[in-house]
Amino acid sequence: MTSVTDDDAAAVSGHRASGPQSRGHRWPAERVLFALAGTMTLLSVLLAVLVSPWFLVLTAFVGVDQWLDVTAHACGVSLALERCGRRSTCDW
């Protein structure tokens, strides 16, 4: 009698288990950009409250960079991620 392992079940269901088996999994560039934008926005708001309102300029920069990504399909961070080897999953 054979037993079904987690890897076999994941292969059948199409999902990979989280943990050590999924180390090769990489986030797509769009998800990385979204995470970086959210982190920088929260950080700049926190610094604006605690240090100086001038840190809201960083929030504006993040917003402009996101709009550049939407309209021109490229922003500074996405270009930097491409140079680091992270490919976009979208076909513009």
N, C-alpha and C. Protein backbone atom coordinates (compact mmCIF):
# COMPACT_ATOMS: atom_id res chain seq x y z
N MET A 1 0.84 -1.17 0.00
CA MET A 1 0.00 0.00 0.00
C MET A 1 0.89 1.24 0.00
N THR A 2 0.62 2.17 -0.88
CA THR A 2 1.44 3.37 -0.97
C THR A 2 0.76 4.50 -0.23
N SER A 3 1.57 5.40 0.31
CA SER A 3 1.02 6.56 1.01
C SER A 3 1.24 7.80 0.16
N VAL A 4 0.35 8.74 0.31
CA VAL A 4 0.43 9.99 -0.44
C VAL A 4 1.17 11.01 0.41
N THR A 5 2.23 11.57 -0.14
CA THR A 5 2.99 12.58 0.58
C THR A 5 2.42 13.95 0.31
N ASP A 6 2.88 14.95 1.07
CA ASP A 6 2.44 16.33 0.87
C ASP A 6 2.80 16.82 -0.53
N ASP A 7 3.97 16.41 -1.04
CA ASP A 7 4.40 16.83 -2.37
C ASP A 7 3.48 16.27 -3.44
N ASP A 8 3.05 14.99 -3.26
CA ASP A 8 2.13 14.39 -4.23
C ASP A 8 0.79 15.10 -4.21
N ALA A 9 0.29 15.40 -3.02
CA ALA A 9 -0.99 16.09 -2.91
C ALA A 9 -0.90 17.49 -3.50
N ALA A 10 0.22 18.15 -3.31
CA ALA A 10 0.41 19.49 -3.87
C ALA A 10 0.46 19.44 -5.39
N ALA A 11 1.09 18.40 -5.92
CA ALA A 11 1.18 18.27 -7.38
C ALA A 11 -0.20 18.03 -7.98
N VAL A 12 -1.02 17.25 -7.30
CA VAL A 12 -2.36 16.97 -7.80
C VAL A 12 -3.25 18.20 -7.71
N SER A 13 -3.18 18.90 -6.57
CA SER A 13 -4.05 20.06 -6.37
C SER A 13 -3.55 21.30 -7.10
N GLY A 14 -2.28 21.32 -7.48
CA GLY A 14 -1.72 22.48 -8.17
C GLY A 14 -1.18 23.53 -7.21
N HIS A 15 -1.19 23.24 -5.93
CA HIS A 15 -0.69 24.18 -4.93
C HIS A 15 0.55 23.60 -4.28
N ARG A 16 1.45 24.50 -3.95
CA ARG A 16 2.65 24.08 -3.25
C ARG A 16 2.48 24.35 -1.77
N ALA A 17 3.04 23.51 -0.97
CA ALA A 17 2.98 23.71 0.48
C ALA A 17 3.92 24.84 0.86
N SER A 18 3.56 25.58 1.87
CA SER A 18 4.47 26.63 2.35
C SER A 18 5.50 25.97 3.25
N GLY A 19 6.64 26.59 3.33
CA GLY A 19 7.68 26.04 4.17
C GLY A 19 8.93 25.75 3.38
N PRO A 20 9.74 24.84 3.86
CA PRO A 20 11.03 24.56 3.23
C PRO A 20 10.90 24.06 1.79
N GLN A 21 9.79 23.38 1.46
CA GLN A 21 9.65 22.85 0.11
C GLN A 21 9.46 23.97 -0.91
N SER A 22 8.95 25.12 -0.49
CA SER A 22 8.63 26.18 -1.43
C SER A 22 9.69 27.27 -1.48
N ARG A 23 10.92 26.95 -1.15
CA ARG A 23 11.99 27.96 -1.16
C ARG A 23 12.25 28.54 -2.53
N GLY A 24 12.02 27.78 -3.59
CA GLY A 24 12.26 28.26 -4.94
C GLY A 24 11.20 29.22 -5.43
N HIS A 25 10.12 29.37 -4.70
CA HIS A 25 9.02 30.25 -5.12
C HIS A 25 9.45 31.71 -4.97
N ARG A 26 9.22 32.48 -6.04
CA ARG A 26 9.57 33.91 -6.00
C ARG A 26 8.34 34.72 -6.31
N TRP A 27 8.20 35.85 -5.64
CA TRP A 27 7.09 36.76 -5.92
C TRP A 27 7.28 37.39 -7.28
N PRO A 28 6.21 37.63 -8.03
CA PRO A 28 6.33 38.38 -9.28
C PRO A 28 6.70 39.83 -8.98
N ALA A 29 7.26 40.50 -9.97
CA ALA A 29 7.74 41.87 -9.78
C ALA A 29 6.62 42.80 -9.33
N GLU A 30 5.40 42.60 -9.83
CA GLU A 30 4.30 43.48 -9.45
C GLU A 30 4.01 43.38 -7.96
N ARG A 31 4.11 42.18 -7.42
CA ARG A 31 3.86 42.00 -5.98
C ARG A 31 4.97 42.64 -5.16
N VAL A 32 6.20 42.51 -5.62
CA VAL A 32 7.33 43.14 -4.93
C VAL A 32 7.17 44.66 -4.95
N LEU A 33 6.78 45.22 -6.11
CA LEU A 33 6.56 46.67 -6.20
C LEU A 33 5.47 47.13 -5.25
N PHE A 34 4.38 46.39 -5.19
CA PHE A 34 3.27 46.74 -4.31
C PHE A 34 3.72 46.70 -2.85
N ALA A 35 4.49 45.69 -2.47
CA ALA A 35 4.99 45.58 -1.10
C ALA A 35 5.95 46.72 -0.76
N LEU A 36 6.84 47.05 -1.69
CA LEU A 36 7.78 48.16 -1.46
C LEU A 36 7.05 49.50 -1.34
N ALA A 37 6.06 49.72 -2.21
CA ALA A 37 5.31 50.98 -2.17
C ALA A 37 4.55 51.11 -0.85
N GLY A 38 3.92 50.03 -0.42
CA GLY A 38 3.20 50.07 0.85
C GLY A 38 4.12 50.31 2.03
N THR A 39 5.27 49.66 2.03
CA THR A 39 6.24 49.83 3.11
C THR A 39 6.76 51.26 3.15
N MET A 40 7.12 51.81 1.99
CA MET A 40 7.64 53.18 1.95
C MET A 40 6.57 54.19 2.35
N THR A 41 5.32 53.97 1.96
CA THR A 41 4.25 54.88 2.33
C THR A 41 4.04 54.88 3.83
N LEU A 42 3.95 53.69 4.42
CA LEU A 42 3.77 53.61 5.87
C LEU A 42 4.96 54.21 6.63
N LEU A 43 6.15 53.94 6.14
CA LEU A 43 7.35 54.49 6.78
C LEU A 43 7.37 56.01 6.71
N SER A 44 7.01 56.56 5.55
CA SER A 44 7.05 58.02 5.41
C SER A 44 5.98 58.70 6.27
N VAL A 45 4.81 58.08 6.40
CA VAL A 45 3.77 58.65 7.26
C VAL A 45 4.22 58.59 8.72
N LEU A 46 4.81 57.48 9.12
CA LEU A 46 5.32 57.36 10.49
C LEU A 46 6.39 58.41 10.77
N LEU A 47 7.32 58.59 9.82
CA LEU A 47 8.37 59.60 10.00
C LEU A 47 7.79 61.01 9.98
N ALA A 48 6.75 61.24 9.19
CA ALA A 48 6.11 62.56 9.16
C ALA A 48 5.47 62.89 10.50
N VAL A 49 4.88 61.90 11.14
CA VAL A 49 4.25 62.12 12.44
C VAL A 49 5.29 62.29 13.54
N LEU A 50 6.34 61.49 13.50
CA LEU A 50 7.32 61.49 14.58
C LEU A 50 8.46 62.49 14.40
N VAL A 51 8.85 62.79 13.16
CA VAL A 51 10.05 63.60 12.94
C VAL A 51 9.70 64.94 12.31
N SER A 52 9.22 64.91 11.08
CA SER A 52 8.96 66.15 10.36
C SER A 52 7.91 65.91 9.28
N PRO A 53 7.00 66.89 9.09
CA PRO A 53 6.02 66.74 8.02
C PRO A 53 6.64 66.69 6.62
N TRP A 54 7.88 67.08 6.49
CA TRP A 54 8.56 67.05 5.20
C TRP A 54 8.72 65.62 4.67
N PHE A 55 8.59 64.62 5.53
CA PHE A 55 8.68 63.23 5.07
C PHE A 55 7.48 62.84 4.22
N LEU A 56 6.43 63.67 4.19
CA LEU A 56 5.30 63.41 3.30
C LEU A 56 5.70 63.58 1.84
N VAL A 57 6.81 64.24 1.59
CA VAL A 57 7.33 64.33 0.22
C VAL A 57 7.68 62.92 -0.29
N LEU A 58 8.16 62.07 0.60
CA LEU A 58 8.46 60.69 0.23
C LEU A 58 7.17 59.97 -0.17
N THR A 59 6.08 60.23 0.54
CA THR A 59 4.79 59.63 0.18
C THR A 59 4.37 60.09 -1.21
N ALA A 60 4.54 61.38 -1.49
CA ALA A 60 4.20 61.91 -2.82
C ALA A 60 5.07 61.26 -3.89
N PHE A 61 6.34 61.08 -3.61
CA PHE A 61 7.24 60.44 -4.57
C PHE A 61 6.78 59.02 -4.88
N VAL A 62 6.37 58.27 -3.85
CA VAL A 62 5.90 56.90 -4.06
C VAL A 62 4.64 56.92 -4.93
N GLY A 63 3.73 57.86 -4.68
CA GLY A 63 2.52 57.96 -5.49
C GLY A 63 2.82 58.29 -6.94
N VAL A 64 3.72 59.22 -7.17
CA VAL A 64 4.10 59.58 -8.54
C VAL A 64 4.76 58.39 -9.23
N ASP A 65 5.59 57.67 -8.49
CA ASP A 65 6.25 56.50 -9.06
C ASP A 65 5.24 55.43 -9.45
N GLN A 66 4.21 55.24 -8.63
CA GLN A 66 3.17 54.27 -8.97
C GLN A 66 2.40 54.70 -10.22
N TRP A 67 2.10 55.98 -10.35
CA TRP A 67 1.40 56.46 -11.54
C TRP A 67 2.27 56.33 -12.78
N LEU A 68 3.58 56.52 -12.64
CA LEU A 68 4.49 56.29 -13.77
C LEU A 68 4.44 54.83 -14.20
N ASP A 69 4.36 53.94 -13.23
CA ASP A 69 4.30 52.52 -13.56
C ASP A 69 3.00 52.19 -14.29
N VAL A 70 1.90 52.83 -13.88
CA VAL A 70 0.60 52.57 -14.52
C VAL A 70 0.55 53.16 -15.93
N THR A 71 1.03 54.38 -16.09
CA THR A 71 0.88 55.07 -17.38
C THR A 71 2.00 54.74 -18.36
N ALA A 72 3.24 54.74 -17.91
CA ALA A 72 4.38 54.52 -18.81
C ALA A 72 4.87 53.08 -18.77
N HIS A 73 4.28 52.24 -17.91
CA HIS A 73 4.64 50.84 -17.77
C HIS A 73 6.09 50.66 -17.32
N ALA A 74 6.63 51.66 -16.67
CA ALA A 74 7.97 51.55 -16.11
C ALA A 74 8.15 52.64 -15.06
N CYS A 75 8.71 52.28 -13.96
CA CYS A 75 9.06 53.26 -12.94
C CYS A 75 10.49 52.97 -12.51
N GLY A 76 11.04 53.84 -11.70
CA GLY A 76 12.42 53.67 -11.27
C GLY A 76 12.67 52.36 -10.56
N VAL A 77 11.75 51.99 -9.68
CA VAL A 77 11.93 50.76 -8.91
C VAL A 77 11.79 49.53 -9.81
N SER A 78 10.82 49.55 -10.73
CA SER A 78 10.66 48.39 -11.62
C SER A 78 11.87 48.21 -12.53
N LEU A 79 12.45 49.32 -12.96
CA LEU A 79 13.66 49.22 -13.78
C LEU A 79 14.82 48.66 -12.96
N ALA A 80 14.92 49.07 -11.70
CA ALA A 80 15.97 48.55 -10.83
C ALA A 80 15.76 47.06 -10.56
N LEU A 81 14.50 46.64 -10.37
CA LEU A 81 14.21 45.22 -10.14
C LEU A 81 14.55 44.40 -11.38
N GLU A 82 14.29 44.95 -12.56
CA GLU A 82 14.64 44.25 -13.79
C GLU A 82 16.14 44.03 -13.89
N ARG A 83 16.91 45.04 -13.51
CA ARG A 83 18.37 44.90 -13.56
C ARG A 83 18.88 43.86 -12.57
N CYS A 84 18.10 43.66 -11.49
CA CYS A 84 18.48 42.64 -10.50
C CYS A 84 18.02 41.25 -10.91
N GLY A 85 17.33 41.15 -12.05
CA GLY A 85 16.92 39.86 -12.54
C GLY A 85 15.48 39.50 -12.28
N ARG A 86 14.70 40.40 -11.71
CA ARG A 86 13.29 40.12 -11.43
C ARG A 86 12.46 40.54 -12.63
N ARG A 87 11.85 39.58 -13.32
CA ARG A 87 11.08 39.85 -14.53
C ARG A 87 9.63 40.13 -14.19
N SER A 88 9.00 40.98 -14.98
CA SER A 88 7.58 41.28 -14.82
C SER A 88 6.75 40.12 -15.34
N THR A 89 5.59 39.90 -14.72
CA THR A 89 4.70 38.84 -15.20
C THR A 89 3.67 39.37 -16.18
N CYS A 90 3.58 40.69 -16.31
CA CYS A 90 2.60 41.27 -17.23
C CYS A 90 3.22 41.47 -18.61
N ASP A 91 2.42 41.25 -19.64
CA ASP A 91 2.85 41.54 -21.00
C ASP A 91 2.17 42.81 -21.44
N TRP A 92 2.89 43.89 -21.47
CA TRP A 92 2.28 45.19 -21.85
C TRP A 92 2.21 45.19 -23.33
